[in-house]
Amino acid sequence: MSLRDHLSTSIVAISLAAFLTAAPALAATDEARQAYREAVQAVMQQDKSISEQDRASLDQQKANLGLSDDEAQEIEQQVRVQ
């Protein structure tokens, strides 16, 4: 096996390992987004608004789920227009 072949094989192996390591994190993010979406839907089911008390609860859940402010705002906007 030439040096070029060896390096190419190593790069593929490293890329595969990186992907396999990241895959559970991607799934967890999807699960976190869905959990937050369900919480927002429960809060907004009546009048599509969020009270101060509900905001505090959602902010805590957002932090617990590891979602960014942008992700949370995007989900809230999606729920509002449903």
C-alpha atoms as a PDB file:
ATOM      1  CA  MET A   1       0.000   0.000   0.000  1.00  0.00           C
ATOM      2  CA  SER A   2       1.416   3.346  -1.007  1.00  0.00           C
ATOM      3  CA  LEU A   3       1.653   6.294   1.338  1.00  0.00           C
ATOM      4  CA  ARG A   4      -1.099   8.046  -0.632  1.00  0.00           C
ATOM      5  CA  ASP A   5      -3.427   5.027  -0.244  1.00  0.00           C
ATOM      6  CA  HIS A   6      -2.641   4.800   3.461  1.00  0.00           C
ATOM      7  CA  LEU A   7      -3.382   8.510   3.985  1.00  0.00           C
ATOM      8  CA  SER A   8      -6.593   8.268   1.981  1.00  0.00           C
ATOM      9  CA  THR A   9      -7.758   5.283   4.040  1.00  0.00           C
ATOM     10  CA  SER A  10      -6.873   7.121   7.266  1.00  0.00           C
ATOM     11  CA  ILE A  11      -8.820  10.203   6.229  1.00  0.00           C
ATOM     12  CA  VAL A  12     -11.895   8.117   5.403  1.00  0.00           C
ATOM     13  CA  ALA A  13     -11.650   6.311   8.748  1.00  0.00           C
ATOM     14  CA  ILE A  14     -11.325   9.588  10.665  1.00  0.00           C
ATOM     15  CA  SER A  15     -14.281  11.109   8.782  1.00  0.00           C
ATOM     16  CA  LEU A  16     -16.433   8.063   9.487  1.00  0.00           C
ATOM     17  CA  ALA A  17     -15.501   8.139  13.174  1.00  0.00           C
ATOM     18  CA  ALA A  18     -16.387  11.827  13.368  1.00  0.00           C
ATOM     19  CA  PHE A  19     -19.755  11.202  11.725  1.00  0.00           C
ATOM     20  CA  LEU A  20     -20.597   8.285  13.991  1.00  0.00           C
ATOM     21  CA  THR A  21     -19.659  10.345  17.025  1.00  0.00           C
ATOM     22  CA  ALA A  22     -21.862  13.251  15.923  1.00  0.00           C
ATOM     23  CA  ALA A  23     -24.891  11.165  14.912  1.00  0.00           C
ATOM     24  CA  PRO A  24     -26.275  10.696  18.469  1.00  0.00           C
ATOM     25  CA  ALA A  25     -25.891  14.431  19.100  1.00  0.00           C
ATOM     26  CA  LEU A  26     -27.900  15.196  15.959  1.00  0.00           C
ATOM     27  CA  ALA A  27     -30.668  12.837  17.081  1.00  0.00           C
ATOM     28  CA  ALA A  28     -30.655  14.379  20.550  1.00  0.00           C
ATOM     29  CA  THR A  29     -31.065  17.813  19.007  1.00  0.00           C
ATOM     30  CA  ASP A  30     -34.108  16.617  17.052  1.00  0.00           C
ATOM     31  CA  GLU A  31     -35.549  15.134  20.234  1.00  0.00           C
ATOM     32  CA  ALA A  32     -34.831  18.346  22.142  1.00  0.00           C
ATOM     33  CA  ARG A  33     -36.502  20.440  19.452  1.00  0.00           C
ATOM     34  CA  GLN A  34     -39.574  18.184  19.519  1.00  0.00           C
ATOM     35  CA  ALA A  35     -39.794  18.337  23.324  1.00  0.00           C
ATOM     36  CA  TYR A  36     -39.581  22.139  23.228  1.00  0.00           C
ATOM     37  CA  ARG A  37     -42.153  22.311  20.419  1.00  0.00           C
ATOM     38  CA  GLU A  38     -44.595  20.268  22.507  1.00  0.00           C
ATOM     39  CA  ALA A  39     -44.047  22.535  25.530  1.00  0.00           C
ATOM     40  CA  VAL A  40     -44.647  25.643  23.401  1.00  0.00           C
ATOM     41  CA  GLN A  41     -47.785  24.112  21.884  1.00  0.00           C
ATOM     42  CA  ALA A  42     -49.141  23.382  25.354  1.00  0.00           C
ATOM     43  CA  VAL A  43     -48.498  26.974  26.457  1.00  0.00           C
ATOM     44  CA  MET A  44     -49.947  28.532  23.302  1.00  0.00           C
ATOM     45  CA  GLN A  45     -52.946  26.265  22.823  1.00  0.00           C
ATOM     46  CA  GLN A  46     -55.437  28.861  24.062  1.00  0.00           C
ATOM     47  CA  ASP A  47     -54.404  32.247  22.688  1.00  0.00           C
ATOM     48  CA  LYS A  48     -51.001  31.865  20.993  1.00  0.00           C
ATOM     49  CA  SER A  49     -49.359  34.053  23.653  1.00  0.00           C
ATOM     50  CA  ILE A  50     -46.787  33.347  26.359  1.00  0.00           C
ATOM     51  CA  SER A  51     -47.273  34.760  29.855  1.00  0.00           C
ATOM     52  CA  GLU A  52     -44.326  35.832  32.000  1.00  0.00           C
ATOM     53  CA  GLN A  53     -44.669  32.678  34.084  1.00  0.00           C
ATOM     54  CA  ASP A  54     -44.803  30.494  30.963  1.00  0.00           C
ATOM     55  CA  ARG A  55     -41.787  32.356  29.516  1.00  0.00           C
ATOM     56  CA  ALA A  56     -39.749  31.546  32.630  1.00  0.00           C
ATOM     57  CA  SER A  57     -40.774  27.892  32.375  1.00  0.00           C
ATOM     58  CA  LEU A  58     -39.963  27.711  28.655  1.00  0.00           C
ATOM     59  CA  ASP A  59     -36.612  29.432  29.175  1.00  0.00           C
ATOM     60  CA  GLN A  60     -35.720  26.852  31.813  1.00  0.00           C
ATOM     61  CA  GLN A  61     -36.761  23.998  29.545  1.00  0.00           C
ATOM     62  CA  LYS A  62     -34.793  25.526  26.654  1.00  0.00           C
ATOM     63  CA  ALA A  63     -31.681  25.613  28.832  1.00  0.00           C
ATOM     64  CA  ASN A  64     -32.228  22.057  30.070  1.00  0.00           C
ATOM     65  CA  LEU A  65     -32.592  20.826  26.492  1.00  0.00           C
ATOM     66  CA  GLY A  66     -29.498  22.694  25.309  1.00  0.00           C
ATOM     67  CA  LEU A  67     -31.311  24.742  22.681  1.00  0.00           C
ATOM     68  CA  SER A  68     -30.061  28.138  21.581  1.00  0.00           C
ATOM     69  CA  ASP A  69     -32.179  31.282  21.729  1.00  0.00           C
ATOM     70  CA  ASP A  70     -32.428  31.235  17.932  1.00  0.00           C
ATOM     71  CA  GLU A  71     -33.614  27.621  17.865  1.00  0.00           C
ATOM     72  CA  ALA A  72     -36.247  28.331  20.516  1.00  0.00           C
ATOM     73  CA  GLN A  73     -37.484  31.463  18.727  1.00  0.00           C
ATOM     74  CA  GLU A  74     -37.748  29.566  15.455  1.00  0.00           C
ATOM     75  CA  ILE A  75     -39.827  26.837  17.090  1.00  0.00           C
ATOM     76  CA  GLU A  76     -42.071  29.382  18.812  1.00  0.00           C
ATOM     77  CA  GLN A  77     -42.661  31.179  15.514  1.00  0.00           C
ATOM     78  CA  GLN A  78     -43.543  27.896  13.797  1.00  0.00           C
ATOM     79  CA  VAL A  79     -46.063  27.097  16.521  1.00  0.00           C
ATOM     80  CA  ARG A  80     -47.617  30.571  16.291  1.00  0.00           C
ATOM     81  CA  VAL A  81     -48.370  30.192  12.579  1.00  0.00           C
ATOM     82  CA  GLN A  82     -49.822  26.702  12.832  1.00  0.00           C
END
